[in-house]
Structure formats: C-alpha cells, structure tokens
Amino acid sequence: MFELIWDSVPSQYGNGGLIETVGPRYAEIVVIRHGETKWNADRRIQGQLDVDLSDIGRKQAFAVADQLSREPKISAVYSSDLKRALDTAEIIAKSCGVLEGGGESFNQLYNRCTSALQSITKKHRGERVVVVSHGAAIEALHKRASPSGNCKGKVLNASVNVFHLSDEDEWIIKSWGDVSHLNQTGFLESGFGGDRKSG
C-alpha cells in the first residue's frame, strides 16, 4: 500500500492553489516511476530489494521535481516504502513545497494498488497529489484505467503518468509515459542504459 509521507502546508509554502483542471468530483493523481537505479541500467529485476537511486536516478528525480514545481499545486506526496521511491518522493516533496507529514501475483498487486489509489482519491477530491511507485504497480494502474488497452512500452524511470479518478470509480488516463522533463537535461541519452529501454 502507498504511505502518505508528505502533506501540504498553506499555499505560501506550496506551488499554487487548487488546480482548475480537476473538477470537484475528481482527484488528479500524478503517478511517477522512481528514478533509475544501477540495477535498472543493468536490466536486473529488483523486486522488493531496497536498491538506491544511481547518480542518474537522482538527477532524474530532480528533473521531474523541477517540472512539477512549475505546475499546479501538489497537495500530498505518497510513496512506496522502498528507498528508491522514497528518495524520489522526498526530492519532489521538497521541490514542490510539500512537507513531511515479499512477492505477490499480478492480481494481488492490481487489487492492492488500485484500492490504494481509490482511497487516496477519496481523501483528495478536487486536489492534485503525487504517488511515487514502481513499474509493475504503474502498469496495474494503467490496466485499471484502460482494461481493454495494452500498456504502451515499458514504464520508464522518472516518467510522469496522470490519472483522474472519481468517487464513482471512474478512471481516466490524462497523460502517459511523459519524460519530456528529461529531454532538457540529456538524461534520455545517458539514462535507461543509453537506449531508453532499461526498467
């Protein structure tokens, strides 16, 4: 389950007010894959191993944080409890003015992740929050929002995926796999094993 690790403070410390693109029935959930690890670059599966971000991964996290800090206000940041996701989330939370507040089957992962996002939606209707997670979890969220569609390619490190969720259990994918914030920094050429294909 995703854990609330940072919650917003008054807007003079944040990066704006309530977002206008989300109606009061929806929450905008920005789901970001953690920055790259050495294991990602080597195309090794990490699973529940607590592997640190690489130098490139930290730079990716700062790049996505910088992008988000220039967008509508983030009300809260949630993260997986693994260090690579927590470190990415912490960088995002600080940049956006939000302060600290075993294996499983795909079906179990799907149920856990979709349930967690629906719970987050109920807490943050009309707000924008960030969830930092992992590739398989993000793929499960895509499957929930687009049951008949296939997830297009790998979920790249530091990619931004935006969902709108309603209390009525309506899921909409607003954007998918955005890594444009990494173009400006050259991380697309140097990261992902140099070929945009690492996990």
N, C-alpha and C. Protein backbone atom coordinates (compact mmCIF):
# COMPACT_ATOMS: atom_id res chain seq x y z
N MET A 1 0.85 -1.17 0.00
CA MET A 1 0.00 0.00 0.00
C MET A 1 0.90 1.24 0.00
N PHE A 2 0.39 2.33 -0.54
CA PHE A 2 1.15 3.56 -0.57
C PHE A 2 0.97 4.28 0.75
N GLU A 3 2.02 4.86 1.25
CA GLU A 3 2.01 5.52 2.54
C GLU A 3 2.12 7.02 2.32
N LEU A 4 1.23 7.79 3.04
CA LEU A 4 1.32 9.24 3.00
C LEU A 4 2.58 9.64 3.75
N ILE A 5 3.49 10.30 3.06
CA ILE A 5 4.72 10.70 3.73
C ILE A 5 4.91 12.19 3.77
N TRP A 6 4.21 12.91 2.93
CA TRP A 6 4.27 14.36 2.97
C TRP A 6 2.87 14.89 2.75
N ASP A 7 2.53 15.95 3.46
CA ASP A 7 1.23 16.58 3.29
C ASP A 7 1.46 18.06 3.09
N SER A 8 0.52 18.71 2.43
CA SER A 8 0.73 20.11 2.08
C SER A 8 0.59 21.02 3.29
N VAL A 9 1.16 22.19 3.16
CA VAL A 9 1.06 23.26 4.13
C VAL A 9 0.41 24.42 3.41
N PRO A 10 0.10 25.54 4.09
CA PRO A 10 -0.56 26.65 3.40
C PRO A 10 0.17 27.05 2.12
N SER A 11 -0.61 27.59 1.17
CA SER A 11 -0.11 27.80 -0.18
C SER A 11 1.10 28.71 -0.28
N GLN A 12 1.35 29.57 0.70
CA GLN A 12 2.55 30.41 0.58
C GLN A 12 3.82 29.56 0.61
N TYR A 13 3.71 28.31 1.11
CA TYR A 13 4.85 27.40 1.10
C TYR A 13 4.78 26.44 -0.08
N GLY A 14 3.66 26.41 -0.78
CA GLY A 14 3.47 25.45 -1.86
C GLY A 14 3.76 26.07 -3.21
N ASN A 15 3.21 25.46 -4.23
CA ASN A 15 3.46 25.93 -5.59
C ASN A 15 2.16 26.30 -6.28
N GLY A 16 1.24 26.91 -5.56
CA GLY A 16 -0.01 27.35 -6.16
C GLY A 16 -1.20 27.00 -5.30
N GLY A 17 -2.41 27.11 -5.85
CA GLY A 17 -3.64 26.81 -5.14
C GLY A 17 -4.27 25.56 -5.71
N LEU A 18 -5.57 25.41 -5.45
CA LEU A 18 -6.28 24.26 -6.00
C LEU A 18 -6.21 24.29 -7.52
N ILE A 19 -6.06 23.14 -8.11
CA ILE A 19 -5.95 23.11 -9.57
C ILE A 19 -7.31 23.32 -10.19
N GLU A 20 -7.32 23.96 -11.34
CA GLU A 20 -8.56 24.26 -12.02
C GLU A 20 -8.94 23.18 -13.02
N THR A 21 -8.02 22.32 -13.39
CA THR A 21 -8.30 21.31 -14.41
C THR A 21 -9.04 20.11 -13.85
N VAL A 22 -9.14 19.99 -12.53
CA VAL A 22 -9.83 18.87 -11.92
C VAL A 22 -11.09 19.39 -11.27
N GLY A 23 -12.22 18.83 -11.68
CA GLY A 23 -13.49 19.22 -11.06
C GLY A 23 -13.58 18.66 -9.66
N PRO A 24 -14.58 19.10 -8.90
CA PRO A 24 -14.70 18.67 -7.50
C PRO A 24 -15.01 17.19 -7.35
N ARG A 25 -15.44 16.51 -8.42
CA ARG A 25 -15.73 15.07 -8.35
C ARG A 25 -14.50 14.21 -8.54
N TYR A 26 -13.39 14.78 -8.98
CA TYR A 26 -12.20 14.01 -9.33
C TYR A 26 -11.00 14.43 -8.48
N ALA A 27 -10.07 13.55 -8.37
CA ALA A 27 -8.74 13.88 -7.84
C ALA A 27 -7.78 13.63 -8.99
N GLU A 28 -6.79 14.49 -9.16
CA GLU A 28 -5.76 14.24 -10.16
C GLU A 28 -4.61 13.54 -9.48
N ILE A 29 -4.30 12.35 -9.94
CA ILE A 29 -3.24 11.53 -9.35
C ILE A 29 -2.09 11.48 -10.35
N VAL A 30 -0.95 12.02 -9.98
CA VAL A 30 0.23 12.04 -10.82
C VAL A 30 1.11 10.88 -10.35
N VAL A 31 1.20 9.83 -11.14
CA VAL A 31 1.94 8.62 -10.76
C VAL A 31 3.28 8.64 -11.47
N ILE A 32 4.35 8.62 -10.69
CA ILE A 32 5.70 8.76 -11.22
C ILE A 32 6.51 7.52 -10.86
N ARG A 33 7.22 7.00 -11.82
CA ARG A 33 8.14 5.91 -11.51
C ARG A 33 9.40 6.51 -10.89
N HIS A 34 9.95 5.83 -9.91
CA HIS A 34 11.17 6.27 -9.25
C HIS A 34 12.29 6.47 -10.26
N GLY A 35 13.30 7.25 -9.87
CA GLY A 35 14.48 7.45 -10.71
C GLY A 35 15.25 6.15 -10.89
N GLU A 36 16.15 6.17 -11.83
CA GLU A 36 16.91 4.98 -12.21
C GLU A 36 17.86 4.51 -11.11
N THR A 37 18.00 3.20 -11.01
CA THR A 37 18.99 2.58 -10.14
C THR A 37 20.04 1.90 -11.02
N LYS A 38 21.14 1.52 -10.43
CA LYS A 38 22.16 0.77 -11.17
C LYS A 38 21.56 -0.52 -11.73
N TRP A 39 20.69 -1.14 -10.94
CA TRP A 39 20.04 -2.37 -11.39
C TRP A 39 19.16 -2.12 -12.60
N ASN A 40 18.44 -0.98 -12.64
CA ASN A 40 17.65 -0.65 -13.83
C ASN A 40 18.55 -0.56 -15.05
N ALA A 41 19.65 0.16 -14.91
CA ALA A 41 20.57 0.35 -16.04
C ALA A 41 21.13 -0.99 -16.53
N ASP A 42 21.32 -1.92 -15.59
CA ASP A 42 21.82 -3.25 -15.95
C ASP A 42 20.70 -4.21 -16.36
N ARG A 43 19.47 -3.72 -16.35
CA ARG A 43 18.28 -4.51 -16.70
C ARG A 43 18.09 -5.71 -15.79
N ARG A 44 18.36 -5.49 -14.49
CA ARG A 44 18.16 -6.53 -13.49
C ARG A 44 16.88 -6.22 -12.71
N ILE A 45 16.09 -7.24 -12.45
CA ILE A 45 14.85 -7.07 -11.70
C ILE A 45 15.19 -6.90 -10.22
N GLN A 46 14.61 -5.85 -9.60
CA GLN A 46 14.89 -5.54 -8.19
C GLN A 46 13.85 -6.10 -7.25
N GLY A 47 12.60 -6.15 -7.70
CA GLY A 47 11.53 -6.63 -6.82
C GLY A 47 11.50 -5.83 -5.53
N GLN A 48 11.48 -6.52 -4.41
CA GLN A 48 11.43 -5.86 -3.10
C GLN A 48 12.81 -5.54 -2.53
N LEU A 49 13.88 -5.82 -3.29
CA LEU A 49 15.22 -5.43 -2.81
C LEU A 49 15.30 -3.92 -2.74
N ASP A 50 15.93 -3.40 -1.72
CA ASP A 50 15.98 -1.96 -1.49
C ASP A 50 17.24 -1.36 -2.12
N VAL A 51 17.19 -1.15 -3.42
CA VAL A 51 18.32 -0.65 -4.20
C VAL A 51 18.24 0.87 -4.28
N ASP A 52 19.36 1.55 -4.02
CA ASP A 52 19.41 3.02 -4.05
C ASP A 52 19.33 3.57 -5.46
N LEU A 53 18.92 4.83 -5.55
CA LEU A 53 18.99 5.54 -6.82
C LEU A 53 20.45 5.69 -7.23
N SER A 54 20.69 5.64 -8.52
CA SER A 54 22.03 5.94 -9.04
C SER A 54 22.16 7.46 -9.14
N ASP A 55 23.34 7.94 -9.51
CA ASP A 55 23.52 9.38 -9.72
C ASP A 55 22.56 9.87 -10.80
N ILE A 56 22.41 9.10 -11.87
CA ILE A 56 21.47 9.47 -12.93
C ILE A 56 20.05 9.49 -12.36
N GLY A 57 19.70 8.51 -11.55
CA GLY A 57 18.37 8.45 -10.95
C GLY A 57 18.06 9.66 -10.08
N ARG A 58 19.05 10.12 -9.32
CA ARG A 58 18.85 11.32 -8.50
C ARG A 58 18.65 12.54 -9.40
N LYS A 59 19.42 12.63 -10.47
CA LYS A 59 19.25 13.75 -11.41
C LYS A 59 17.88 13.68 -12.08
N GLN A 60 17.42 12.48 -12.41
CA GLN A 60 16.08 12.33 -12.98
C GLN A 60 15.02 12.80 -11.98
N ALA A 61 15.19 12.44 -10.71
CA ALA A 61 14.24 12.85 -9.68
C ALA A 61 14.20 14.37 -9.55
N PHE A 62 15.36 15.01 -9.58
CA PHE A 62 15.39 16.47 -9.52
C PHE A 62 14.74 17.09 -10.76
N ALA A 63 14.91 16.46 -11.92
CA ALA A 63 14.31 16.99 -13.15
C ALA A 63 12.78 16.92 -13.09
N VAL A 64 12.24 15.78 -12.63
CA VAL A 64 10.79 15.67 -12.54
C VAL A 64 10.26 16.59 -11.44
N ALA A 65 11.00 16.74 -10.35
CA ALA A 65 10.60 17.65 -9.27
C ALA A 65 10.55 19.09 -9.77
N ASP A 66 11.55 19.48 -10.53
CA ASP A 66 11.58 20.83 -11.09
C ASP A 66 10.36 21.07 -11.98
N GLN A 67 10.05 20.10 -12.83
CA GLN A 67 8.88 20.23 -13.71
C GLN A 67 7.60 20.37 -12.89
N LEU A 68 7.41 19.51 -11.90
CA LEU A 68 6.20 19.55 -11.09
C LEU A 68 6.09 20.84 -10.28
N SER A 69 7.21 21.40 -9.88
CA SER A 69 7.18 22.62 -9.07
C SER A 69 6.66 23.81 -9.87
N ARG A 70 6.67 23.71 -11.19
CA ARG A 70 6.18 24.79 -12.05
C ARG A 70 4.75 24.54 -12.52
N GLU A 71 4.14 23.48 -12.05
CA GLU A 71 2.77 23.12 -12.41
C GLU A 71 1.85 23.39 -11.23
N PRO A 72 0.53 23.12 -11.38
CA PRO A 72 -0.41 23.38 -10.27
C PRO A 72 -0.01 22.68 -8.98
N LYS A 73 -0.52 23.23 -7.89
CA LYS A 73 -0.19 22.81 -6.53
C LYS A 73 -0.34 21.30 -6.32
N ILE A 74 0.63 20.74 -5.61
CA ILE A 74 0.59 19.36 -5.15
C ILE A 74 0.10 19.39 -3.70
N SER A 75 -0.95 18.64 -3.39
CA SER A 75 -1.49 18.62 -2.03
C SER A 75 -0.81 17.60 -1.13
N ALA A 76 -0.34 16.51 -1.71
CA ALA A 76 0.29 15.47 -0.90
C ALA A 76 1.17 14.62 -1.81
N VAL A 77 2.15 13.95 -1.20
CA VAL A 77 3.02 13.03 -1.92
C VAL A 77 2.98 11.69 -1.18
N TYR A 78 2.69 10.63 -1.91
CA TYR A 78 2.67 9.28 -1.37
C TYR A 78 3.81 8.50 -2.01
N SER A 79 4.27 7.47 -1.33
CA SER A 79 5.37 6.69 -1.89
C SER A 79 5.32 5.25 -1.40
N SER A 80 5.90 4.40 -2.22
CA SER A 80 6.24 3.05 -1.79
C SER A 80 7.25 3.20 -0.65
N ASP A 81 7.42 2.17 0.14
CA ASP A 81 8.37 2.25 1.25
C ASP A 81 9.80 1.89 0.86
N LEU A 82 10.04 1.54 -0.41
CA LEU A 82 11.40 1.22 -0.83
C LEU A 82 12.19 2.50 -1.07
N LYS A 83 13.47 2.48 -0.71
CA LYS A 83 14.31 3.68 -0.70
C LYS A 83 14.34 4.42 -2.04
N ARG A 84 14.39 3.70 -3.14
CA ARG A 84 14.46 4.38 -4.44
C ARG A 84 13.21 5.22 -4.69
N ALA A 85 12.05 4.74 -4.27
CA ALA A 85 10.81 5.51 -4.40
C ALA A 85 10.74 6.62 -3.35
N LEU A 86 11.13 6.29 -2.11
CA LEU A 86 11.11 7.31 -1.04
C LEU A 86 12.03 8.48 -1.36
N ASP A 87 13.23 8.19 -1.86
CA ASP A 87 14.17 9.27 -2.20
C ASP A 87 13.62 10.14 -3.33
N THR A 88 13.03 9.51 -4.34
CA THR A 88 12.42 10.27 -5.43
C THR A 88 11.28 11.14 -4.89
N ALA A 89 10.44 10.57 -4.03
CA ALA A 89 9.31 11.31 -3.46
C ALA A 89 9.79 12.47 -2.59
N GLU A 90 10.83 12.26 -1.82
CA GLU A 90 11.35 13.32 -0.95
C GLU A 90 11.85 14.51 -1.79
N ILE A 91 12.55 14.23 -2.86
CA ILE A 91 13.05 15.30 -3.74
C ILE A 91 11.87 16.07 -4.33
N ILE A 92 10.84 15.36 -4.75
CA ILE A 92 9.65 16.01 -5.30
C ILE A 92 8.94 16.85 -4.24
N ALA A 93 8.76 16.27 -3.06
CA ALA A 93 8.05 16.97 -2.00
C ALA A 93 8.76 18.27 -1.61
N LYS A 94 10.06 18.22 -1.47
CA LYS A 94 10.81 19.43 -1.11
C LYS A 94 10.73 20.48 -2.20
N SER A 95 10.83 20.06 -3.45
CA SER A 95 10.79 20.99 -4.57
C SER A 95 9.42 21.64 -4.72
N CYS A 96 8.38 20.90 -4.36
CA CYS A 96 7.00 21.39 -4.54
C CYS A 96 6.43 22.01 -3.28
N GLY A 97 7.24 22.15 -2.23
CA GLY A 97 6.76 22.79 -1.01
C GLY A 97 5.81 21.94 -0.21
N VAL A 98 5.90 20.64 -0.35
CA VAL A 98 5.06 19.72 0.42
C VAL A 98 5.96 19.11 1.49
N LEU A 99 5.57 19.26 2.75
CA LEU A 99 6.45 18.86 3.84
C LEU A 99 6.07 17.49 4.37
N GLU A 100 7.01 16.97 5.21
CA GLU A 100 6.84 15.60 5.70
C GLU A 100 5.61 15.47 6.58
N GLY A 101 4.99 15.22 6.55
CA GLY A 101 3.85 14.81 7.29
C GLY A 101 4.24 13.39 7.91
N GLY A 102 8.25 -9.19 0.08
CA GLY A 102 7.66 -10.40 -0.31
C GLY A 102 7.05 -10.42 -1.71
N GLY A 103 6.89 -11.22 -2.37
CA GLY A 103 6.33 -11.26 -3.72
C GLY A 103 4.83 -11.40 -3.68
N GLU A 104 4.17 -11.02 -4.82
CA GLU A 104 2.73 -11.18 -4.93
C GLU A 104 2.38 -11.40 -6.39
N SER A 105 1.20 -11.93 -6.63
CA SER A 105 0.75 -12.13 -8.00
C SER A 105 0.35 -10.79 -8.61
N PHE A 106 0.22 -10.77 -9.94
CA PHE A 106 -0.23 -9.53 -10.58
C PHE A 106 -1.62 -9.14 -10.09
N ASN A 107 -2.51 -10.14 -9.90
CA ASN A 107 -3.86 -9.83 -9.40
C ASN A 107 -3.81 -9.22 -8.01
N GLN A 108 -2.94 -9.73 -7.14
CA GLN A 108 -2.80 -9.14 -5.81
C GLN A 108 -2.25 -7.72 -5.92
N LEU A 109 -1.23 -7.55 -6.74
CA LEU A 109 -0.65 -6.22 -6.97
C LEU A 109 -1.72 -5.27 -7.51
N TYR A 110 -2.46 -5.71 -8.51
CA TYR A 110 -3.52 -4.92 -9.12
C TYR A 110 -4.54 -4.48 -8.07
N ASN A 111 -5.03 -5.42 -7.28
CA ASN A 111 -6.04 -5.10 -6.25
C ASN A 111 -5.49 -4.14 -5.21
N ARG A 112 -4.27 -4.37 -4.76
CA ARG A 112 -3.66 -3.51 -3.74
C ARG A 112 -3.47 -2.08 -4.26
N CYS A 113 -2.91 -1.96 -5.45
CA CYS A 113 -2.59 -0.64 -5.99
C CYS A 113 -3.83 0.15 -6.38
N THR A 114 -4.79 -0.51 -7.02
CA THR A 114 -5.99 0.21 -7.43
C THR A 114 -6.82 0.62 -6.22
N SER A 115 -6.86 -0.24 -5.21
CA SER A 115 -7.56 0.09 -3.97
C SER A 115 -6.90 1.28 -3.26
N ALA A 116 -5.57 1.27 -3.24
CA ALA A 116 -4.85 2.38 -2.60
C ALA A 116 -5.11 3.70 -3.32
N LEU A 117 -5.10 3.69 -4.64
CA LEU A 117 -5.35 4.92 -5.39
C LEU A 117 -6.79 5.40 -5.19
N GLN A 118 -7.74 4.48 -5.10
CA GLN A 118 -9.12 4.89 -4.86
C GLN A 118 -9.25 5.51 -3.47
N SER A 119 -8.54 4.97 -2.48
CA SER A 119 -8.56 5.56 -1.13
C SER A 119 -7.95 6.96 -1.13
N ILE A 120 -6.86 7.11 -1.85
CA ILE A 120 -6.21 8.42 -1.96
C ILE A 120 -7.18 9.42 -2.61
N THR A 121 -7.90 8.97 -3.64
CA THR A 121 -8.87 9.81 -4.33
C THR A 121 -9.92 10.34 -3.36
N LYS A 122 -10.44 9.48 -2.50
CA LYS A 122 -11.47 9.90 -1.54
C LYS A 122 -10.96 10.95 -0.57
N LYS A 123 -9.67 10.90 -0.25
CA LYS A 123 -9.08 11.88 0.68
C LYS A 123 -8.77 13.21 0.01
N HIS A 124 -8.59 13.20 -1.31
CA HIS A 124 -8.07 14.39 -2.01
C HIS A 124 -8.92 14.82 -3.20
N ARG A 125 -10.22 14.64 -3.13
CA ARG A 125 -11.10 15.07 -4.22
C ARG A 125 -10.91 16.56 -4.47
N GLY A 126 -10.75 16.94 -5.75
CA GLY A 126 -10.55 18.34 -6.11
C GLY A 126 -9.13 18.82 -5.94
N GLU A 127 -8.22 17.93 -5.56
CA GLU A 127 -6.82 18.29 -5.34
C GLU A 127 -5.92 17.51 -6.30
N ARG A 128 -4.66 17.87 -6.27
CA ARG A 128 -3.65 17.19 -7.09
C ARG A 128 -2.62 16.60 -6.14
N VAL A 129 -2.36 15.31 -6.23
CA VAL A 129 -1.39 14.65 -5.37
C VAL A 129 -0.42 13.85 -6.23
N VAL A 130 0.73 13.52 -5.66
CA VAL A 130 1.75 12.73 -6.34
C VAL A 130 1.88 11.38 -5.63
N VAL A 131 2.00 10.32 -6.40
CA VAL A 131 2.29 8.98 -5.90
C VAL A 131 3.56 8.52 -6.62
N VAL A 132 4.59 8.17 -5.88
CA VAL A 132 5.82 7.65 -6.47
C VAL A 132 5.81 6.14 -6.28
N SER A 133 5.97 5.41 -7.37
CA SER A 133 5.80 3.97 -7.30
C SER A 133 6.79 3.25 -8.20
N HIS A 134 6.44 2.08 -8.63
CA HIS A 134 7.30 1.18 -9.39
C HIS A 134 6.62 0.77 -10.69
N GLY A 135 7.40 0.29 -11.64
CA GLY A 135 6.91 -0.03 -12.97
C GLY A 135 5.71 -0.97 -12.97
N ALA A 136 5.79 -2.10 -12.27
CA ALA A 136 4.68 -3.06 -12.28
C ALA A 136 3.42 -2.48 -11.67
N ALA A 137 3.57 -1.70 -10.61
CA ALA A 137 2.41 -1.07 -9.98
C ALA A 137 1.76 -0.07 -10.93
N ILE A 138 2.56 0.70 -11.64
CA ILE A 138 2.03 1.68 -12.59
C ILE A 138 1.34 0.97 -13.75
N GLU A 139 1.90 -0.16 -14.19
CA GLU A 139 1.24 -0.95 -15.24
C GLU A 139 -0.13 -1.45 -14.76
N ALA A 140 -0.23 -1.84 -13.49
CA ALA A 140 -1.51 -2.29 -12.93
C ALA A 140 -2.52 -1.14 -12.93
N LEU A 141 -2.07 0.07 -12.61
CA LEU A 141 -2.97 1.23 -12.62
C LEU A 141 -3.44 1.52 -14.05
N HIS A 142 -2.54 1.37 -15.02
CA HIS A 142 -2.92 1.57 -16.42
C HIS A 142 -3.99 0.55 -16.81
N LYS A 143 -3.80 -0.70 -16.40
CA LYS A 143 -4.78 -1.75 -16.73
C LYS A 143 -6.14 -1.42 -16.14
N ARG A 144 -6.17 -0.86 -14.93
CA ARG A 144 -7.46 -0.48 -14.32
C ARG A 144 -8.12 0.65 -15.10
N ALA A 145 -7.34 1.64 -15.52
CA ALA A 145 -7.89 2.80 -16.22
C ALA A 145 -8.24 2.48 -17.67
N SER A 146 -7.58 1.49 -18.23
CA SER A 146 -7.79 1.14 -19.64
C SER A 146 -7.80 -0.38 -19.77
N PRO A 147 -8.87 -1.04 -19.28
CA PRO A 147 -8.89 -2.50 -19.23
C PRO A 147 -8.71 -3.18 -20.58
N SER A 148 -9.17 -2.55 -21.66
CA SER A 148 -9.06 -3.19 -22.97
C SER A 148 -7.79 -2.78 -23.72
N GLY A 149 -7.07 -1.78 -23.18
CA GLY A 149 -5.86 -1.31 -23.85
C GLY A 149 -4.61 -1.92 -23.24
N ASN A 150 -3.61 -2.08 -24.07
CA ASN A 150 -2.32 -2.57 -23.58
C ASN A 150 -1.47 -1.39 -23.15
N CYS A 151 -0.68 -1.59 -22.13
CA CYS A 151 0.28 -0.58 -21.68
C CYS A 151 1.32 -0.44 -22.78
N LYS A 152 1.52 0.76 -23.27
CA LYS A 152 2.43 1.01 -24.40
C LYS A 152 3.88 1.07 -23.91
N GLY A 153 4.64 0.03 -24.15
CA GLY A 153 6.06 0.01 -23.80
C GLY A 153 6.29 -0.06 -22.31
N LYS A 154 7.56 0.04 -21.94
CA LYS A 154 7.95 -0.01 -20.53
C LYS A 154 7.59 1.30 -19.84
N VAL A 155 7.41 1.23 -18.54
CA VAL A 155 7.22 2.42 -17.73
C VAL A 155 8.64 2.90 -17.38
N LEU A 156 9.07 3.96 -18.03
CA LEU A 156 10.45 4.43 -17.87
C LEU A 156 10.66 5.10 -16.52
N ASN A 157 11.90 5.05 -16.04
CA ASN A 157 12.25 5.72 -14.79
C ASN A 157 11.95 7.21 -14.89
N ALA A 158 11.42 7.76 -13.83
CA ALA A 158 11.08 9.19 -13.70
C ALA A 158 10.02 9.63 -14.70
N SER A 159 9.25 8.68 -15.26
CA SER A 159 8.16 9.05 -16.16
C SER A 159 6.96 9.52 -15.36
N VAL A 160 6.20 10.43 -15.95
CA VAL A 160 5.02 11.02 -15.31
C VAL A 160 3.78 10.48 -16.01
N ASN A 161 2.85 9.97 -15.22
CA ASN A 161 1.60 9.38 -15.71
C ASN A 161 0.47 9.99 -14.91
N VAL A 162 -0.47 10.65 -15.56
CA VAL A 162 -1.51 11.39 -14.86
C VAL A 162 -2.86 10.70 -15.04
N PHE A 163 -3.51 10.43 -13.92
CA PHE A 163 -4.84 9.83 -13.89
C PHE A 163 -5.82 10.79 -13.22
N HIS A 164 -7.06 10.80 -13.68
CA HIS A 164 -8.15 11.46 -12.96
C HIS A 164 -9.06 10.35 -12.47
N LEU A 165 -9.34 10.35 -11.17
CA LEU A 165 -10.20 9.35 -10.57
C LEU A 165 -11.36 10.03 -9.88
N SER A 166 -12.54 9.41 -9.95
CA SER A 166 -13.71 9.95 -9.27
C SER A 166 -14.13 9.01 -8.15
N ASP A 167 -14.97 9.51 -7.24
CA ASP A 167 -15.52 8.66 -6.18
C ASP A 167 -16.40 7.55 -6.75
N GLU A 168 -16.92 7.78 -7.94
CA GLU A 168 -17.77 6.78 -8.59
C GLU A 168 -16.93 5.70 -9.28
N ASP A 169 -15.65 5.64 -8.98
CA ASP A 169 -14.75 4.63 -9.52
C ASP A 169 -14.52 4.79 -11.02
N GLU A 170 -14.57 6.02 -11.50
CA GLU A 170 -14.25 6.32 -12.89
C GLU A 170 -12.77 6.68 -12.98
N TRP A 171 -12.04 6.03 -13.87
CA TRP A 171 -10.60 6.24 -14.06
C TRP A 171 -10.35 6.75 -15.46
N ILE A 172 -9.60 7.83 -15.57
CA ILE A 172 -9.25 8.41 -16.86
C ILE A 172 -7.75 8.62 -16.91
N ILE A 173 -7.10 8.20 -17.97
CA ILE A 173 -5.68 8.48 -18.17
C ILE A 173 -5.58 9.81 -18.90
N LYS A 174 -4.99 10.83 -18.25
CA LYS A 174 -4.84 12.15 -18.86
C LYS A 174 -3.54 12.26 -19.65
N SER A 175 -2.48 11.64 -19.15
CA SER A 175 -1.22 11.57 -19.91
C SER A 175 -0.48 10.32 -19.48
N TRP A 176 0.37 9.82 -20.38
CA TRP A 176 1.05 8.55 -20.11
C TRP A 176 2.51 8.62 -20.55
N GLY A 177 3.40 8.19 -19.67
CA GLY A 177 4.80 7.99 -20.01
C GLY A 177 5.56 9.25 -20.38
N ASP A 178 5.18 10.39 -19.81
CA ASP A 178 5.83 11.65 -20.17
C ASP A 178 7.24 11.71 -19.55
N VAL A 179 8.24 11.82 -20.40
CA VAL A 179 9.63 12.00 -19.95
C VAL A 179 10.22 13.27 -20.57
N SER A 180 9.37 14.17 -21.02
CA SER A 180 9.84 15.39 -21.69
C SER A 180 10.73 16.23 -20.76
N HIS A 181 10.48 16.16 -19.45
CA HIS A 181 11.31 16.90 -18.50
C HIS A 181 12.75 16.40 -18.50
N LEU A 182 12.98 15.19 -19.00
CA LEU A 182 14.33 14.65 -19.06
C LEU A 182 15.05 15.04 -20.35
N ASN A 183 14.31 15.45 -21.38
CA ASN A 183 14.92 15.87 -22.64
C ASN A 183 15.88 17.04 -22.45
N GLN A 184 15.47 18.00 -21.62
CA GLN A 184 16.26 19.22 -21.43
C GLN A 184 17.58 18.96 -20.72
N THR A 185 17.69 17.84 -20.06
CA THR A 185 18.87 17.57 -19.24
C THR A 185 19.82 16.57 -19.85
N GLY A 186 19.42 15.93 -20.94
CA GLY A 186 20.26 14.93 -21.57
C GLY A 186 20.15 13.56 -20.93
N PHE A 187 19.24 13.39 -19.95
CA PHE A 187 19.13 12.11 -19.27
C PHE A 187 18.53 11.03 -20.15
N LEU A 188 17.81 11.42 -21.19
CA LEU A 188 17.28 10.39 -22.09
C LEU A 188 18.40 9.71 -22.85
N GLU A 189 19.47 10.46 -23.14
CA GLU A 189 20.60 9.85 -23.84
C GLU A 189 21.49 9.06 -22.88
N SER A 190 21.67 9.57 -21.65
CA SER A 190 22.59 8.93 -20.73
C SER A 190 21.92 7.88 -19.85
N GLY A 191 20.63 8.04 -19.59
CA GLY A 191 19.92 7.12 -18.72
C GLY A 191 19.36 5.94 -19.49
N PHE A 192 18.63 5.09 -18.81
CA PHE A 192 17.96 3.94 -19.40
C PHE A 192 18.95 3.06 -20.16
N GLY A 193 20.15 2.91 -19.63
CA GLY A 193 21.15 2.07 -20.30
C GLY A 193 21.60 2.67 -21.62
N GLY A 194 21.34 3.99 -21.80
CA GLY A 194 21.73 4.67 -23.03
C GLY A 194 20.78 4.45 -24.18
N ASP A 195 19.73 3.63 -23.96
CA ASP A 195 18.85 3.34 -25.08
C ASP A 195 17.37 3.47 -24.73
N ARG A 196 17.05 4.11 -23.64
CA ARG A 196 15.66 4.32 -23.19
C ARG A 196 14.93 3.01 -22.93
N LYS A 197 15.65 1.92 -22.71
CA LYS A 197 14.97 0.64 -22.57
C LYS A 197 15.13 0.00 -21.20
N SER A 198 15.94 0.56 -20.33
CA SER A 198 16.10 -0.12 -19.04
C SER A 198 14.83 0.03 -18.21
N GLY A 199 14.66 -0.88 -17.27
CA GLY A 199 13.45 -0.90 -16.47
C GLY A 199 13.40 0.19 -15.50
